[in-house]
């Protein structure tokens, strides 16, 4: 570690010792940063899942299966919308990250919600692999693309629930009460 980095850390440690509440402020900012990082990572994964769909749409178009492109196009639009919602979620729920008000049970609940969101994306990724293999027939394409659309709706609802849970906390839930089970 360079002496400059050590000086910076010592300065921050002294600041934390001298200014009451500063460490809580730093912790709150870290929580916001971690939340944003998590949402960006999920959004990046969702964006990456668009590529197989656009490739499949191109294949269908080039092979003359234009009537079968609709469900894939709908899935791409849903994926775009979901990616943008996750990536650009409002910081209107910043009160949730207030170091004084948040309790560990509530933070743990949000982390469980975040894990579930990631697991939904994992399942979607697997389903998109299945879509590619089942797209050889019109029926296989129709069935699997409907399942993909349904999974996208499920992820959208999961994100809605996470957002609502955080906002409900801000609107006056007492500290220590889990937001959801």
C-alpha atoms as a PDB file:
ATOM      1  CA  UNK A   1       0.000   0.000   0.000  1.00  0.00           C
ATOM      2  CA  UNK A   2       1.368   3.399  -0.909  1.00  0.00           C
ATOM      3  CA  UNK A   3       1.912   5.984   1.793  1.00  0.00           C
ATOM      4  CA  UNK A   4      -0.632   8.211   0.050  1.00  0.00           C
ATOM      5  CA  UNK A   5      -3.318   5.507   0.357  1.00  0.00           C
ATOM      6  CA  UNK A   6      -2.334   4.998   4.006  1.00  0.00           C
ATOM      7  CA  UNK A   7      -2.588   8.732   4.653  1.00  0.00           C
ATOM      8  CA  UNK A   8      -6.052   8.752   3.031  1.00  0.00           C
ATOM      9  CA  UNK A   9      -7.228   5.864   5.221  1.00  0.00           C
ATOM     10  CA  UNK A  10      -5.837   7.475   8.378  1.00  0.00           C
ATOM     11  CA  UNK A  11      -7.565  10.735   7.493  1.00  0.00           C
ATOM     12  CA  UNK A  12     -10.884   8.923   7.014  1.00  0.00           C
ATOM     13  CA  UNK A  13     -10.433   6.980  10.277  1.00  0.00           C
ATOM     14  CA  UNK A  14      -9.773  10.230  12.137  1.00  0.00           C
ATOM     15  CA  UNK A  15     -12.802  11.827  10.521  1.00  0.00           C
ATOM     16  CA  UNK A  16     -14.949   8.859  11.561  1.00  0.00           C
ATOM     17  CA  UNK A  17     -13.729   9.170  15.153  1.00  0.00           C
ATOM     18  CA  UNK A  18     -14.230  12.935  15.353  1.00  0.00           C
ATOM     19  CA  UNK A  19     -17.585  13.459  13.623  1.00  0.00           C
ATOM     20  CA  UNK A  20     -20.522  11.668  15.224  1.00  0.00           C
ATOM     21  CA  UNK A  21     -22.643   9.818  12.695  1.00  0.00           C
ATOM     22  CA  UNK A  22     -20.083   9.953   9.892  1.00  0.00           C
ATOM     23  CA  UNK A  23     -19.558   6.187   9.904  1.00  0.00           C
ATOM     24  CA  UNK A  24     -23.325   5.705   9.588  1.00  0.00           C
ATOM     25  CA  UNK A  25     -23.366   8.081   6.632  1.00  0.00           C
ATOM     26  CA  UNK A  26     -20.556   6.130   4.944  1.00  0.00           C
ATOM     27  CA  UNK A  27     -22.369   2.833   5.617  1.00  0.00           C
ATOM     28  CA  UNK A  28     -25.589   4.214   4.109  1.00  0.00           C
ATOM     29  CA  UNK A  29     -23.703   5.340   1.003  1.00  0.00           C
ATOM     30  CA  UNK A  30     -22.124   1.893   0.680  1.00  0.00           C
ATOM     31  CA  UNK A  31     -25.554   0.288   0.832  1.00  0.00           C
ATOM     32  CA  UNK A  32     -26.766   2.557  -1.954  1.00  0.00           C
ATOM     33  CA  UNK A  33     -23.674   1.782  -4.006  1.00  0.00           C
ATOM     34  CA  UNK A  34     -24.064  -1.959  -3.464  1.00  0.00           C
ATOM     35  CA  UNK A  35     -27.745  -1.780  -4.416  1.00  0.00           C
ATOM     36  CA  UNK A  36     -26.879   0.107  -7.582  1.00  0.00           C
ATOM     37  CA  UNK A  37     -24.057  -2.316  -8.424  1.00  0.00           C
ATOM     38  CA  UNK A  38     -26.383  -5.283  -7.947  1.00  0.00           C
ATOM     39  CA  UNK A  39     -29.087  -3.750 -10.154  1.00  0.00           C
ATOM     40  CA  UNK A  40     -26.544  -2.887 -12.847  1.00  0.00           C
ATOM     41  CA  UNK A  41     -25.216  -6.440 -12.837  1.00  0.00           C
ATOM     42  CA  UNK A  42     -28.727  -7.880 -13.198  1.00  0.00           C
ATOM     43  CA  UNK A  43     -29.498  -5.355 -15.956  1.00  0.00           C
ATOM     44  CA  UNK A  44     -26.283  -6.288 -17.773  1.00  0.00           C
ATOM     45  CA  UNK A  45     -27.265  -9.953 -17.641  1.00  0.00           C
ATOM     46  CA  UNK A  46     -30.712  -9.111 -19.005  1.00  0.00           C
ATOM     47  CA  UNK A  47     -29.136  -7.101 -21.830  1.00  0.00           C
ATOM     48  CA  UNK A  48     -26.883 -10.043 -22.709  1.00  0.00           C
ATOM     49  CA  UNK A  49     -29.931 -12.313 -22.958  1.00  0.00           C
ATOM     50  CA  UNK A  50     -31.262 -10.158 -25.790  1.00  0.00           C
ATOM     51  CA  UNK A  51     -28.580 -11.377 -28.177  1.00  0.00           C
ATOM     52  CA  UNK A  52     -29.879 -14.954 -28.553  1.00  0.00           C
ATOM     53  CA  UNK A  53     -33.377 -13.593 -29.115  1.00  0.00           C
ATOM     54  CA  UNK A  54     -32.290 -11.182 -31.842  1.00  0.00           C
ATOM     55  CA  UNK A  55     -30.220 -13.961 -33.446  1.00  0.00           C
ATOM     56  CA  UNK A  56     -33.257 -16.240 -33.434  1.00  0.00           C
ATOM     57  CA  UNK A  57     -35.440 -13.499 -34.899  1.00  0.00           C
ATOM     58  CA  UNK A  58     -32.898 -13.015 -37.693  1.00  0.00           C
ATOM     59  CA  UNK A  59     -32.831 -16.758 -38.402  1.00  0.00           C
ATOM     60  CA  UNK A  60     -36.618 -16.931 -38.527  1.00  0.00           C
ATOM     61  CA  UNK A  61     -36.786 -13.952 -40.864  1.00  0.00           C
ATOM     62  CA  UNK A  62     -34.094 -15.221 -43.203  1.00  0.00           C
ATOM     63  CA  UNK A  63     -35.712 -18.646 -43.433  1.00  0.00           C
ATOM     64  CA  UNK A  64     -39.087 -17.144 -44.383  1.00  0.00           C
ATOM     65  CA  UNK A  65     -40.819 -17.802 -41.049  1.00  0.00           C
ATOM     66  CA  UNK A  66     -41.982 -14.202 -40.725  1.00  0.00           C
ATOM     67  CA  UNK A  67     -45.325 -15.138 -39.133  1.00  0.00           C
ATOM     68  CA  UNK A  68     -43.415 -16.670 -36.188  1.00  0.00           C
ATOM     69  CA  UNK A  69     -41.310 -13.598 -35.381  1.00  0.00           C
ATOM     70  CA  UNK A  70     -44.019 -11.861 -33.316  1.00  0.00           C
ATOM     71  CA  UNK A  71     -43.552 -13.726 -30.004  1.00  0.00           C
ATOM     72  CA  UNK A  72     -39.781 -13.262 -30.189  1.00  0.00           C
ATOM     73  CA  UNK A  73     -40.188  -9.555 -30.879  1.00  0.00           C
ATOM     74  CA  UNK A  74     -42.561  -9.288 -27.895  1.00  0.00           C
ATOM     75  CA  UNK A  75     -40.011 -11.045 -25.669  1.00  0.00           C
ATOM     76  CA  UNK A  76     -37.287  -8.633 -26.800  1.00  0.00           C
ATOM     77  CA  UNK A  77     -39.506  -5.647 -25.968  1.00  0.00           C
ATOM     78  CA  UNK A  78     -40.306  -7.068 -22.527  1.00  0.00           C
ATOM     79  CA  UNK A  79     -36.625  -7.737 -21.938  1.00  0.00           C
ATOM     80  CA  UNK A  80     -35.730  -4.159 -22.940  1.00  0.00           C
ATOM     81  CA  UNK A  81     -38.356  -2.722 -20.609  1.00  0.00           C
ATOM     82  CA  UNK A  82     -37.263  -4.916 -17.716  1.00  0.00           C
ATOM     83  CA  UNK A  83     -33.589  -4.134 -18.214  1.00  0.00           C
ATOM     84  CA  UNK A  84     -34.325  -0.404 -18.141  1.00  0.00           C
ATOM     85  CA  UNK A  85     -36.508  -0.690 -15.047  1.00  0.00           C
ATOM     86  CA  UNK A  86     -33.811  -2.569 -13.153  1.00  0.00           C
ATOM     87  CA  UNK A  87     -30.944  -0.386 -14.345  1.00  0.00           C
ATOM     88  CA  UNK A  88     -32.646   2.969 -13.787  1.00  0.00           C
ATOM     89  CA  UNK A  89     -34.740   2.245 -10.699  1.00  0.00           C
ATOM     90  CA  UNK A  90     -35.532   5.391  -8.793  1.00  0.00           C
ATOM     91  CA  UNK A  91     -33.565   6.275  -5.723  1.00  0.00           C
ATOM     92  CA  UNK A  92     -36.862   7.463  -4.258  1.00  0.00           C
ATOM     93  CA  UNK A  93     -36.519   4.688  -1.725  1.00  0.00           C
ATOM     94  CA  UNK A  94     -33.237   6.029  -0.364  1.00  0.00           C
ATOM     95  CA  UNK A  95     -34.760   6.194   3.134  1.00  0.00           C
ATOM     96  CA  UNK A  96     -34.461   2.428   3.214  1.00  0.00           C
ATOM     97  CA  UNK A  97     -30.708   2.785   3.264  1.00  0.00           C
ATOM     98  CA  UNK A  98     -30.723   5.190   6.207  1.00  0.00           C
ATOM     99  CA  UNK A  99     -28.248   3.627   8.643  1.00  0.00           C
ATOM    100  CA  UNK A 100     -30.230   4.706  11.691  1.00  0.00           C
ATOM    101  CA  UNK A 101     -33.591   3.260  10.661  1.00  0.00           C
ATOM    102  CA  UNK A 102     -32.741  -0.031   8.970  1.00  0.00           C
ATOM    103  CA  UNK A 103     -32.576  -3.263  10.933  1.00  0.00           C
ATOM    104  CA  UNK A 104     -30.659  -6.391   9.968  1.00  0.00           C
ATOM    105  CA  UNK A 105     -33.868  -8.431   9.432  1.00  0.00           C
ATOM    106  CA  UNK A 106     -35.046  -5.918   6.860  1.00  0.00           C
ATOM    107  CA  UNK A 107     -31.703  -5.806   5.112  1.00  0.00           C
ATOM    108  CA  UNK A 108     -31.573  -9.628   5.076  1.00  0.00           C
ATOM    109  CA  UNK A 109     -35.043  -9.713   3.520  1.00  0.00           C
ATOM    110  CA  UNK A 110     -33.977  -7.417   0.700  1.00  0.00           C
ATOM    111  CA  UNK A 111     -30.859  -9.531   0.130  1.00  0.00           C
ATOM    112  CA  UNK A 112     -33.079 -12.627  -0.133  1.00  0.00           C
ATOM    113  CA  UNK A 113     -35.212 -10.766  -2.641  1.00  0.00           C
ATOM    114  CA  UNK A 114     -32.079  -9.863  -4.608  1.00  0.00           C
ATOM    115  CA  UNK A 115     -30.968 -13.499  -4.615  1.00  0.00           C
ATOM    116  CA  UNK A 116     -34.392 -14.566  -5.895  1.00  0.00           C
ATOM    117  CA  UNK A 117     -34.138 -11.967  -8.666  1.00  0.00           C
ATOM    118  CA  UNK A 118     -30.773 -13.377  -9.757  1.00  0.00           C
ATOM    119  CA  UNK A 119     -32.177 -16.925  -9.660  1.00  0.00           C
ATOM    120  CA  UNK A 120     -35.085 -15.821 -11.883  1.00  0.00           C
ATOM    121  CA  UNK A 121     -32.568 -14.501 -14.414  1.00  0.00           C
ATOM    122  CA  UNK A 122     -30.659 -17.820 -14.219  1.00  0.00           C
ATOM    123  CA  UNK A 123     -33.874 -19.698 -15.074  1.00  0.00           C
ATOM    124  CA  UNK A 124     -34.618 -17.291 -17.919  1.00  0.00           C
ATOM    125  CA  UNK A 125     -31.150 -17.874 -19.329  1.00  0.00           C
ATOM    126  CA  UNK A 126     -31.725 -21.638 -19.297  1.00  0.00           C
ATOM    127  CA  UNK A 127     -35.142 -21.222 -20.932  1.00  0.00           C
ATOM    128  CA  UNK A 128     -33.611 -19.132 -23.729  1.00  0.00           C
ATOM    129  CA  UNK A 129     -31.215 -22.007 -24.444  1.00  0.00           C
ATOM    130  CA  UNK A 130     -34.246 -24.281 -24.676  1.00  0.00           C
ATOM    131  CA  UNK A 131     -35.983 -21.804 -26.986  1.00  0.00           C
ATOM    132  CA  UNK A 132     -33.119 -22.027 -29.460  1.00  0.00           C
ATOM    133  CA  UNK A 133     -33.364 -25.829 -29.616  1.00  0.00           C
ATOM    134  CA  UNK A 134     -37.174 -25.931 -29.787  1.00  0.00           C
ATOM    135  CA  UNK A 135     -37.491 -23.190 -32.422  1.00  0.00           C
ATOM    136  CA  UNK A 136     -37.205 -25.784 -35.199  1.00  0.00           C
ATOM    137  CA  UNK A 137     -40.963 -26.313 -35.151  1.00  0.00           C
ATOM    138  CA  UNK A 138     -43.693 -23.694 -35.064  1.00  0.00           C
ATOM    139  CA  UNK A 139     -45.351 -25.365 -32.064  1.00  0.00           C
ATOM    140  CA  UNK A 140     -42.075 -25.642 -30.125  1.00  0.00           C
ATOM    141  CA  UNK A 141     -41.295 -22.008 -30.839  1.00  0.00           C
ATOM    142  CA  UNK A 142     -44.789 -20.876 -29.840  1.00  0.00           C
ATOM    143  CA  UNK A 143     -44.827 -22.839 -26.576  1.00  0.00           C
ATOM    144  CA  UNK A 144     -41.319 -21.941 -25.463  1.00  0.00           C
ATOM    145  CA  UNK A 145     -41.577 -18.276 -26.424  1.00  0.00           C
ATOM    146  CA  UNK A 146     -44.788 -18.066 -24.352  1.00  0.00           C
ATOM    147  CA  UNK A 147     -42.854 -19.566 -21.422  1.00  0.00           C
ATOM    148  CA  UNK A 148     -40.092 -16.976 -21.927  1.00  0.00           C
ATOM    149  CA  UNK A 149     -42.655 -14.151 -21.945  1.00  0.00           C
ATOM    150  CA  UNK A 150     -44.221 -15.550 -18.781  1.00  0.00           C
ATOM    151  CA  UNK A 151     -40.820 -15.718 -17.079  1.00  0.00           C
ATOM    152  CA  UNK A 152     -40.114 -12.105 -18.042  1.00  0.00           C
ATOM    153  CA  UNK A 153     -43.438 -11.096 -16.489  1.00  0.00           C
ATOM    154  CA  UNK A 154     -42.488 -13.036 -13.354  1.00  0.00           C
ATOM    155  CA  UNK A 155     -39.149 -11.216 -13.077  1.00  0.00           C
ATOM    156  CA  UNK A 156     -40.951  -7.916 -13.607  1.00  0.00           C
ATOM    157  CA  UNK A 157     -43.364  -8.758 -10.756  1.00  0.00           C
ATOM    158  CA  UNK A 158     -40.457  -9.800  -8.515  1.00  0.00           C
ATOM    159  CA  UNK A 159     -38.807  -6.440  -9.122  1.00  0.00           C
ATOM    160  CA  UNK A 160     -42.135  -4.696  -8.398  1.00  0.00           C
ATOM    161  CA  UNK A 161     -42.370  -6.570  -5.099  1.00  0.00           C
ATOM    162  CA  UNK A 162     -38.814  -5.622  -4.125  1.00  0.00           C
ATOM    163  CA  UNK A 163     -39.507  -1.987  -4.923  1.00  0.00           C
ATOM    164  CA  UNK A 164     -42.829  -2.040  -3.044  1.00  0.00           C
ATOM    165  CA  UNK A 165     -41.233  -3.680  -0.014  1.00  0.00           C
ATOM    166  CA  UNK A 166     -38.585  -0.968   0.152  1.00  0.00           C
ATOM    167  CA  UNK A 167     -41.151   1.801  -0.299  1.00  0.00           C
ATOM    168  CA  UNK A 168     -43.431   0.277   2.330  1.00  0.00           C
ATOM    169  CA  UNK A 169     -40.542   0.374   4.749  1.00  0.00           C
ATOM    170  CA  UNK A 170     -40.024   4.044   4.062  1.00  0.00           C
ATOM    171  CA  UNK A 171     -43.712   4.772   4.563  1.00  0.00           C
ATOM    172  CA  UNK A 172     -43.514   3.912   8.233  1.00  0.00           C
ATOM    173  CA  UNK A 173     -42.918   0.289   9.024  1.00  0.00           C
ATOM    174  CA  UNK A 174     -41.386   0.046  12.466  1.00  0.00           C
ATOM    175  CA  UNK A 175     -37.681  -0.830  12.648  1.00  0.00           C
ATOM    176  CA  UNK A 176     -36.928  -4.506  13.001  1.00  0.00           C
ATOM    177  CA  UNK A 177     -40.109  -5.741  11.326  1.00  0.00           C
ATOM    178  CA  UNK A 178     -39.290  -7.891   8.282  1.00  0.00           C
ATOM    179  CA  UNK A 179     -40.685  -6.471   5.071  1.00  0.00           C
ATOM    180  CA  UNK A 180     -41.781  -9.862   3.786  1.00  0.00           C
ATOM    181  CA  UNK A 181     -41.246 -13.509   4.609  1.00  0.00           C
END
